[in-house]
Amino acid sequence: MMICRARSSVGYTLLEVSLTISIGILILLTVTPALGNFINERKLRAITKLILECAAEARIAAKQQGKTVILALGKNEIQTLNGKHKSLPKNMKLLLKTEATEWTTTKSNWMFFPSGIIEPISLRLEQGAAWIEMDIDPLTGMALEERYSF
Protein backbone atom coordinates (compact mmCIF):
# COMPACT_ATOMS: atom_id res chain seq x y z
CA MET A 1 0.00 0.00 0.00
CA MET A 2 1.27 3.43 -0.95
CA ILE A 3 0.96 6.39 1.37
CA CYS A 4 0.65 9.88 -0.15
CA ARG A 5 2.04 12.72 1.80
CA ALA A 6 0.91 16.28 1.46
CA ARG A 7 3.47 18.91 0.50
CA SER A 8 4.80 20.54 3.57
CA SER A 9 5.88 23.81 1.93
CA VAL A 10 3.31 26.50 1.19
CA GLY A 11 3.89 28.87 -1.75
CA TYR A 12 4.72 28.84 -5.42
CA THR A 13 7.56 27.14 -7.20
CA LEU A 14 10.16 29.07 -9.13
CA LEU A 15 8.69 27.69 -12.36
CA GLU A 16 5.20 29.02 -11.57
CA VAL A 17 6.51 32.46 -10.67
CA SER A 18 8.71 32.63 -13.80
CA LEU A 19 5.84 31.59 -16.04
CA THR A 20 3.51 34.23 -14.54
CA ILE A 21 6.11 36.98 -14.96
CA SER A 22 6.80 35.90 -18.56
CA ILE A 23 3.11 36.03 -19.47
CA GLY A 24 2.84 39.48 -17.86
CA ILE A 25 5.80 40.77 -19.84
CA LEU A 26 4.34 39.42 -23.10
CA ILE A 27 1.06 41.19 -22.42
CA LEU A 28 2.86 44.47 -21.70
CA LEU A 29 4.94 44.18 -24.87
CA THR A 30 1.85 43.76 -27.02
CA VAL A 31 -0.10 46.60 -25.37
CA THR A 32 2.68 49.23 -25.26
CA PRO A 33 2.84 50.07 -29.02
CA ALA A 34 -0.94 50.39 -29.20
CA LEU A 35 -0.89 52.72 -26.20
CA GLY A 36 1.79 54.88 -27.84
CA ASN A 37 -0.28 55.13 -31.03
CA PHE A 38 -3.33 56.07 -28.99
CA ILE A 39 -1.43 58.87 -27.22
CA ASN A 40 -0.08 60.23 -30.54
CA GLU A 41 -3.55 60.15 -32.06
CA ARG A 42 -5.02 62.07 -29.11
CA LYS A 43 -2.33 64.76 -29.33
CA LEU A 44 -2.74 65.20 -33.08
CA ARG A 45 -6.54 65.28 -32.87
CA ALA A 46 -6.46 67.84 -30.02
CA ILE A 47 -4.34 70.25 -32.09
CA THR A 48 -6.53 69.61 -35.15
CA LYS A 49 -9.58 70.51 -33.07
CA LEU A 50 -7.86 73.69 -31.85
CA ILE A 51 -7.06 74.77 -35.42
CA LEU A 52 -10.63 74.14 -36.57
CA GLU A 53 -12.00 76.10 -33.59
CA CYS A 54 -9.70 79.03 -34.42
CA ALA A 55 -10.86 78.82 -38.03
CA ALA A 56 -14.52 78.92 -36.97
CA GLU A 57 -13.85 81.99 -34.79
CA ALA A 58 -12.01 83.72 -37.66
CA ARG A 59 -14.83 82.94 -40.08
CA ILE A 60 -17.45 84.40 -37.73
CA ALA A 61 -15.30 87.47 -37.03
CA ALA A 62 -14.85 88.12 -40.77
CA LYS A 63 -18.61 88.01 -41.32
CA GLN A 64 -19.38 90.22 -38.30
CA GLN A 65 -16.67 92.81 -39.00
CA GLY A 66 -17.27 92.83 -42.75
CA LYS A 67 -13.55 92.57 -43.51
CA THR A 68 -10.97 89.90 -44.23
CA VAL A 69 -9.56 88.24 -41.12
CA ILE A 70 -6.19 86.51 -41.15
CA LEU A 71 -5.20 83.55 -38.99
CA ALA A 72 -1.42 83.12 -38.82
CA LEU A 73 -0.21 79.52 -38.88
CA GLY A 74 3.44 78.66 -38.43
CA LYS A 75 5.60 75.56 -38.19
CA ASN A 76 5.33 75.39 -34.39
CA GLU A 77 2.54 77.81 -33.47
CA ILE A 78 -0.89 79.21 -34.20
CA GLN A 79 -1.70 82.87 -33.69
CA THR A 80 -5.31 83.26 -32.59
CA LEU A 81 -7.54 86.24 -33.32
CA ASN A 82 -6.90 87.91 -29.98
CA GLY A 83 -3.17 87.89 -30.74
CA LYS A 84 -2.26 85.00 -28.47
CA HIS A 85 0.21 82.43 -29.69
CA LYS A 86 -0.56 78.77 -29.09
CA SER A 87 2.56 76.66 -29.37
CA LEU A 88 2.40 73.15 -30.73
CA PRO A 89 3.68 70.32 -28.52
CA LYS A 90 7.37 69.49 -28.75
CA ASN A 91 8.37 67.49 -31.86
CA MET A 92 5.08 68.34 -33.61
CA LYS A 93 5.05 70.40 -36.78
CA LEU A 94 2.34 71.93 -38.91
CA LEU A 95 2.53 71.89 -42.70
CA LEU A 96 0.23 73.84 -45.00
CA LYS A 97 -0.71 73.49 -48.65
CA THR A 98 -2.72 75.96 -50.69
CA GLU A 99 -3.79 75.76 -54.30
CA ALA A 100 -0.68 77.71 -55.28
CA THR A 101 1.90 75.95 -53.09
CA GLU A 102 3.06 72.52 -52.05
CA TRP A 103 3.50 71.39 -48.44
CA THR A 104 5.44 74.02 -46.52
CA THR A 105 6.40 74.63 -42.91
CA THR A 106 6.94 78.37 -43.31
CA LYS A 107 4.59 80.78 -41.58
CA SER A 108 1.46 81.29 -43.62
CA ASN A 109 -1.59 83.51 -43.36
CA TRP A 110 -4.96 81.82 -43.73
CA MET A 111 -7.56 84.26 -45.04
CA PHE A 112 -11.23 84.37 -44.06
CA PHE A 113 -13.38 86.62 -46.22
CA PRO A 114 -16.48 88.64 -45.16
CA SER A 115 -18.64 86.53 -47.49
CA GLY A 116 -17.96 83.55 -45.22
CA ILE A 117 -15.75 81.88 -47.79
CA ILE A 118 -12.38 80.63 -46.61
CA GLU A 119 -9.17 80.39 -48.58
CA PRO A 120 -8.89 76.71 -49.62
CA ILE A 121 -6.15 75.04 -47.62
CA SER A 122 -4.89 71.60 -46.58
CA LEU A 123 -3.34 71.04 -43.15
CA ARG A 124 -0.94 68.33 -42.06
CA LEU A 125 0.22 67.77 -38.49
CA GLU A 126 3.21 65.49 -37.91
CA GLN A 127 4.71 64.07 -34.76
CA GLY A 128 7.40 61.51 -35.40
CA ALA A 129 6.03 58.89 -37.77
CA ALA A 130 2.41 59.74 -36.91
CA TRP A 131 0.52 62.29 -38.99
CA ILE A 132 -2.96 63.57 -39.72
CA GLU A 133 -3.89 65.47 -42.86
CA MET A 134 -7.12 67.23 -43.81
CA ASP A 135 -8.58 69.32 -46.57
CA ILE A 136 -10.67 72.26 -45.38
CA ASP A 137 -13.96 73.08 -47.12
CA PRO A 138 -13.84 76.71 -48.33
CA LEU A 139 -17.59 77.17 -47.75
CA THR A 140 -17.99 75.74 -44.24
CA GLY A 141 -14.50 75.81 -42.76
CA MET A 142 -14.87 72.19 -41.70
CA ALA A 143 -12.68 69.24 -42.62
CA LEU A 144 -13.76 67.74 -45.95
CA GLU A 145 -11.49 64.76 -45.99
CA GLU A 146 -9.16 63.38 -43.35
CA ARG A 147 -6.20 61.07 -43.83
CA TYR A 148 -3.97 59.76 -41.07
CA SER A 149 -1.32 57.30 -40.04
CA PHE A 150 -0.60 56.55 -36.39
C-alpha atoms as a PDB file:
ATOM      1  CA  MET A   1       0.000   0.000   0.000  1.00  0.00           C
ATOM      2  CA  MET A   2       1.265   3.430  -0.954  1.00  0.00           C
ATOM      3  CA  ILE A   3       0.955   6.388   1.374  1.00  0.00           C
ATOM      4  CA  CYS A   4       0.648   9.884  -0.151  1.00  0.00           C
ATOM      5  CA  ARG A   5       2.038  12.718   1.798  1.00  0.00           C
ATOM      6  CA  ALA A   6       0.912  16.285   1.463  1.00  0.00           C
ATOM      7  CA  ARG A   7       3.473  18.911   0.503  1.00  0.00           C
ATOM      8  CA  SER A   8       4.802  20.544   3.567  1.00  0.00           C
ATOM      9  CA  SER A   9       5.877  23.809   1.929  1.00  0.00           C
ATOM     10  CA  VAL A  10       3.308  26.498   1.189  1.00  0.00           C
ATOM     11  CA  GLY A  11       3.890  28.866  -1.751  1.00  0.00           C
ATOM     12  CA  TYR A  12       4.721  28.836  -5.421  1.00  0.00           C
ATOM     13  CA  THR A  13       7.558  27.145  -7.197  1.00  0.00           C
ATOM     14  CA  LEU A  14      10.155  29.065  -9.134  1.00  0.00           C
ATOM     15  CA  LEU A  15       8.689  27.690 -12.364  1.00  0.00           C
ATOM     16  CA  GLU A  16       5.201  29.018 -11.571  1.00  0.00           C
ATOM     17  CA  VAL A  17       6.506  32.465 -10.675  1.00  0.00           C
ATOM     18  CA  SER A  18       8.706  32.630 -13.800  1.00  0.00           C
ATOM     19  CA  LEU A  19       5.842  31.594 -16.045  1.00  0.00           C
ATOM     20  CA  THR A  20       3.513  34.225 -14.545  1.00  0.00           C
ATOM     21  CA  ILE A  21       6.107  36.978 -14.959  1.00  0.00           C
ATOM     22  CA  SER A  22       6.796  35.899 -18.560  1.00  0.00           C
ATOM     23  CA  ILE A  23       3.114  36.033 -19.472  1.00  0.00           C
ATOM     24  CA  GLY A  24       2.835  39.484 -17.859  1.00  0.00           C
ATOM     25  CA  ILE A  25       5.803  40.773 -19.844  1.00  0.00           C
ATOM     26  CA  LEU A  26       4.342  39.415 -23.104  1.00  0.00           C
ATOM     27  CA  ILE A  27       1.055  41.191 -22.419  1.00  0.00           C
ATOM     28  CA  LEU A  28       2.865  44.473 -21.701  1.00  0.00           C
ATOM     29  CA  LEU A  29       4.945  44.175 -24.868  1.00  0.00           C
ATOM     30  CA  THR A  30       1.847  43.758 -27.019  1.00  0.00           C
ATOM     31  CA  VAL A  31      -0.098  46.598 -25.369  1.00  0.00           C
ATOM     32  CA  THR A  32       2.683  49.232 -25.256  1.00  0.00           C
ATOM     33  CA  PRO A  33       2.840  50.070 -29.023  1.00  0.00           C
ATOM     34  CA  ALA A  34      -0.935  50.388 -29.197  1.00  0.00           C
ATOM     35  CA  LEU A  35      -0.886  52.721 -26.198  1.00  0.00           C
ATOM     36  CA  GLY A  36       1.793  54.881 -27.842  1.00  0.00           C
ATOM     37  CA  ASN A  37      -0.278  55.128 -31.028  1.00  0.00           C
ATOM     38  CA  PHE A  38      -3.335  56.071 -28.986  1.00  0.00           C
ATOM     39  CA  ILE A  39      -1.429  58.871 -27.225  1.00  0.00           C
ATOM     40  CA  ASN A  40      -0.079  60.233 -30.539  1.00  0.00           C
ATOM     41  CA  GLU A  41      -3.548  60.151 -32.064  1.00  0.00           C
ATOM     42  CA  ARG A  42      -5.024  62.068 -29.108  1.00  0.00           C
ATOM     43  CA  LYS A  43      -2.334  64.762 -29.331  1.00  0.00           C
ATOM     44  CA  LEU A  44      -2.743  65.205 -33.077  1.00  0.00           C
ATOM     45  CA  ARG A  45      -6.544  65.281 -32.870  1.00  0.00           C
ATOM     46  CA  ALA A  46      -6.459  67.839 -30.020  1.00  0.00           C
ATOM     47  CA  ILE A  47      -4.344  70.251 -32.092  1.00  0.00           C
ATOM     48  CA  THR A  48      -6.529  69.612 -35.147  1.00  0.00           C
ATOM     49  CA  LYS A  49      -9.581  70.506 -33.069  1.00  0.00           C
ATOM     50  CA  LEU A  50      -7.860  73.691 -31.850  1.00  0.00           C
ATOM     51  CA  ILE A  51      -7.065  74.770 -35.422  1.00  0.00           C
ATOM     52  CA  LEU A  52     -10.635  74.139 -36.574  1.00  0.00           C
ATOM     53  CA  GLU A  53     -11.998  76.095 -33.588  1.00  0.00           C
ATOM     54  CA  CYS A  54      -9.696  79.028 -34.419  1.00  0.00           C
ATOM     55  CA  ALA A  55     -10.859  78.822 -38.029  1.00  0.00           C
ATOM     56  CA  ALA A  56     -14.516  78.918 -36.970  1.00  0.00           C
ATOM     57  CA  GLU A  57     -13.847  81.988 -34.790  1.00  0.00           C
ATOM     58  CA  ALA A  58     -12.010  83.715 -37.656  1.00  0.00           C
ATOM     59  CA  ARG A  59     -14.831  82.944 -40.085  1.00  0.00           C
ATOM     60  CA  ILE A  60     -17.447  84.396 -37.726  1.00  0.00           C
ATOM     61  CA  ALA A  61     -15.302  87.474 -37.033  1.00  0.00           C
ATOM     62  CA  ALA A  62     -14.847  88.123 -40.767  1.00  0.00           C
ATOM     63  CA  LYS A  63     -18.612  88.007 -41.318  1.00  0.00           C
ATOM     64  CA  GLN A  64     -19.380  90.215 -38.299  1.00  0.00           C
ATOM     65  CA  GLN A  65     -16.672  92.805 -39.003  1.00  0.00           C
ATOM     66  CA  GLY A  66     -17.267  92.826 -42.754  1.00  0.00           C
ATOM     67  CA  LYS A  67     -13.554  92.569 -43.506  1.00  0.00           C
ATOM     68  CA  THR A  68     -10.972  89.904 -44.233  1.00  0.00           C
ATOM     69  CA  VAL A  69      -9.558  88.240 -41.120  1.00  0.00           C
ATOM     70  CA  ILE A  70      -6.188  86.512 -41.147  1.00  0.00           C
ATOM     71  CA  LEU A  71      -5.203  83.548 -38.993  1.00  0.00           C
ATOM     72  CA  ALA A  72      -1.423  83.117 -38.819  1.00  0.00           C
ATOM     73  CA  LEU A  73      -0.213  79.516 -38.879  1.00  0.00           C
ATOM     74  CA  GLY A  74       3.442  78.661 -38.432  1.00  0.00           C
ATOM     75  CA  LYS A  75       5.596  75.563 -38.186  1.00  0.00           C
ATOM     76  CA  ASN A  76       5.330  75.394 -34.393  1.00  0.00           C
ATOM     77  CA  GLU A  77       2.535  77.805 -33.467  1.00  0.00           C
ATOM     78  CA  ILE A  78      -0.889  79.207 -34.203  1.00  0.00           C
ATOM     79  CA  GLN A  79      -1.700  82.869 -33.694  1.00  0.00           C
ATOM     80  CA  THR A  80      -5.306  83.258 -32.590  1.00  0.00           C
ATOM     81  CA  LEU A  81      -7.541  86.240 -33.317  1.00  0.00           C
ATOM     82  CA  ASN A  82      -6.898  87.910 -29.978  1.00  0.00           C
ATOM     83  CA  GLY A  83      -3.168  87.894 -30.742  1.00  0.00           C
ATOM     84  CA  LYS A  84      -2.261  85.004 -28.470  1.00  0.00           C
ATOM     85  CA  HIS A  85       0.208  82.427 -29.689  1.00  0.00           C
ATOM     86  CA  LYS A  86      -0.561  78.772 -29.091  1.00  0.00           C
ATOM     87  CA  SER A  87       2.564  76.659 -29.373  1.00  0.00           C
ATOM     88  CA  LEU A  88       2.397  73.153 -30.728  1.00  0.00           C
ATOM     89  CA  PRO A  89       3.679  70.325 -28.518  1.00  0.00           C
ATOM     90  CA  LYS A  90       7.374  69.493 -28.753  1.00  0.00           C
ATOM     91  CA  ASN A  91       8.371  67.493 -31.864  1.00  0.00           C
ATOM     92  CA  MET A  92       5.080  68.339 -33.608  1.00  0.00           C
ATOM     93  CA  LYS A  93       5.052  70.398 -36.779  1.00  0.00           C
ATOM     94  CA  LEU A  94       2.345  71.933 -38.913  1.00  0.00           C
ATOM     95  CA  LEU A  95       2.528  71.887 -42.698  1.00  0.00           C
ATOM     96  CA  LEU A  96       0.226  73.841 -45.001  1.00  0.00           C
ATOM     97  CA  LYS A  97      -0.706  73.492 -48.646  1.00  0.00           C
ATOM     98  CA  THR A  98      -2.720  75.959 -50.688  1.00  0.00           C
ATOM     99  CA  GLU A  99      -3.793  75.764 -54.301  1.00  0.00           C
ATOM    100  CA  ALA A 100      -0.682  77.706 -55.279  1.00  0.00           C
ATOM    101  CA  THR A 101       1.903  75.953 -53.093  1.00  0.00           C
ATOM    102  CA  GLU A 102       3.061  72.522 -52.053  1.00  0.00           C
ATOM    103  CA  TRP A 103       3.500  71.394 -48.438  1.00  0.00           C
ATOM    104  CA  THR A 104       5.442  74.021 -46.525  1.00  0.00           C
ATOM    105  CA  THR A 105       6.400  74.635 -42.907  1.00  0.00           C
ATOM    106  CA  THR A 106       6.940  78.375 -43.308  1.00  0.00           C
ATOM    107  CA  LYS A 107       4.588  80.778 -41.579  1.00  0.00           C
ATOM    108  CA  SER A 108       1.456  81.290 -43.619  1.00  0.00           C
ATOM    109  CA  ASN A 109      -1.586  83.515 -43.364  1.00  0.00           C
ATOM    110  CA  TRP A 110      -4.962  81.816 -43.730  1.00  0.00           C
ATOM    111  CA  MET A 111      -7.561  84.263 -45.038  1.00  0.00           C
ATOM    112  CA  PHE A 112     -11.225  84.372 -44.059  1.00  0.00           C
ATOM    113  CA  PHE A 113     -13.383  86.623 -46.220  1.00  0.00           C
ATOM    114  CA  PRO A 114     -16.480  88.638 -45.162  1.00  0.00           C
ATOM    115  CA  SER A 115     -18.641  86.532 -47.491  1.00  0.00           C
ATOM    116  CA  GLY A 116     -17.959  83.550 -45.219  1.00  0.00           C
ATOM    117  CA  ILE A 117     -15.752  81.879 -47.787  1.00  0.00           C
ATOM    118  CA  ILE A 118     -12.377  80.629 -46.606  1.00  0.00           C
ATOM    119  CA  GLU A 119      -9.171  80.386 -48.585  1.00  0.00           C
ATOM    120  CA  PRO A 120      -8.887  76.711 -49.620  1.00  0.00           C
ATOM    121  CA  ILE A 121      -6.150  75.035 -47.619  1.00  0.00           C
ATOM    122  CA  SER A 122      -4.893  71.604 -46.577  1.00  0.00           C
ATOM    123  CA  LEU A 123      -3.335  71.036 -43.154  1.00  0.00           C
ATOM    124  CA  ARG A 124      -0.941  68.326 -42.063  1.00  0.00           C
ATOM    125  CA  LEU A 125       0.222  67.765 -38.488  1.00  0.00           C
ATOM    126  CA  GLU A 126       3.209  65.491 -37.910  1.00  0.00           C
ATOM    127  CA  GLN A 127       4.714  64.072 -34.757  1.00  0.00           C
ATOM    128  CA  GLY A 128       7.401  61.507 -35.399  1.00  0.00           C
ATOM    129  CA  ALA A 129       6.028  58.890 -37.773  1.00  0.00           C
ATOM    130  CA  ALA A 130       2.406  59.735 -36.910  1.00  0.00           C
ATOM    131  CA  TRP A 131       0.523  62.289 -38.995  1.00  0.00           C
ATOM    132  CA  ILE A 132      -2.958  63.572 -39.725  1.00  0.00           C
ATOM    133  CA  GLU A 133      -3.893  65.470 -42.861  1.00  0.00           C
ATOM    134  CA  MET A 134      -7.118  67.228 -43.805  1.00  0.00           C
ATOM    135  CA  ASP A 135      -8.582  69.319 -46.569  1.00  0.00           C
ATOM    136  CA  ILE A 136     -10.672  72.264 -45.383  1.00  0.00           C
ATOM    137  CA  ASP A 137     -13.958  73.083 -47.117  1.00  0.00           C
ATOM    138  CA  PRO A 138     -13.843  76.710 -48.328  1.00  0.00           C
ATOM    139  CA  LEU A 139     -17.590  77.169 -47.747  1.00  0.00           C
ATOM    140  CA  THR A 140     -17.991  75.740 -44.241  1.00  0.00           C
ATOM    141  CA  GLY A 141     -14.495  75.810 -42.763  1.00  0.00           C
ATOM    142  CA  MET A 142     -14.873  72.193 -41.703  1.00  0.00           C
ATOM    143  CA  ALA A 143     -12.680  69.241 -42.624  1.00  0.00           C
ATOM    144  CA  LEU A 144     -13.756  67.741 -45.948  1.00  0.00           C
ATOM    145  CA  GLU A 145     -11.487  64.757 -45.985  1.00  0.00           C
ATOM    146  CA  GLU A 146      -9.164  63.376 -43.353  1.00  0.00           C
ATOM    147  CA  ARG A 147      -6.198  61.067 -43.829  1.00  0.00           C
ATOM    148  CA  TYR A 148      -3.973  59.758 -41.069  1.00  0.00           C
ATOM    149  CA  SER A 149      -1.320  57.303 -40.039  1.00  0.00           C
ATOM    150  CA  PHE A 150      -0.597  56.552 -36.387  1.00  0.00           C
END
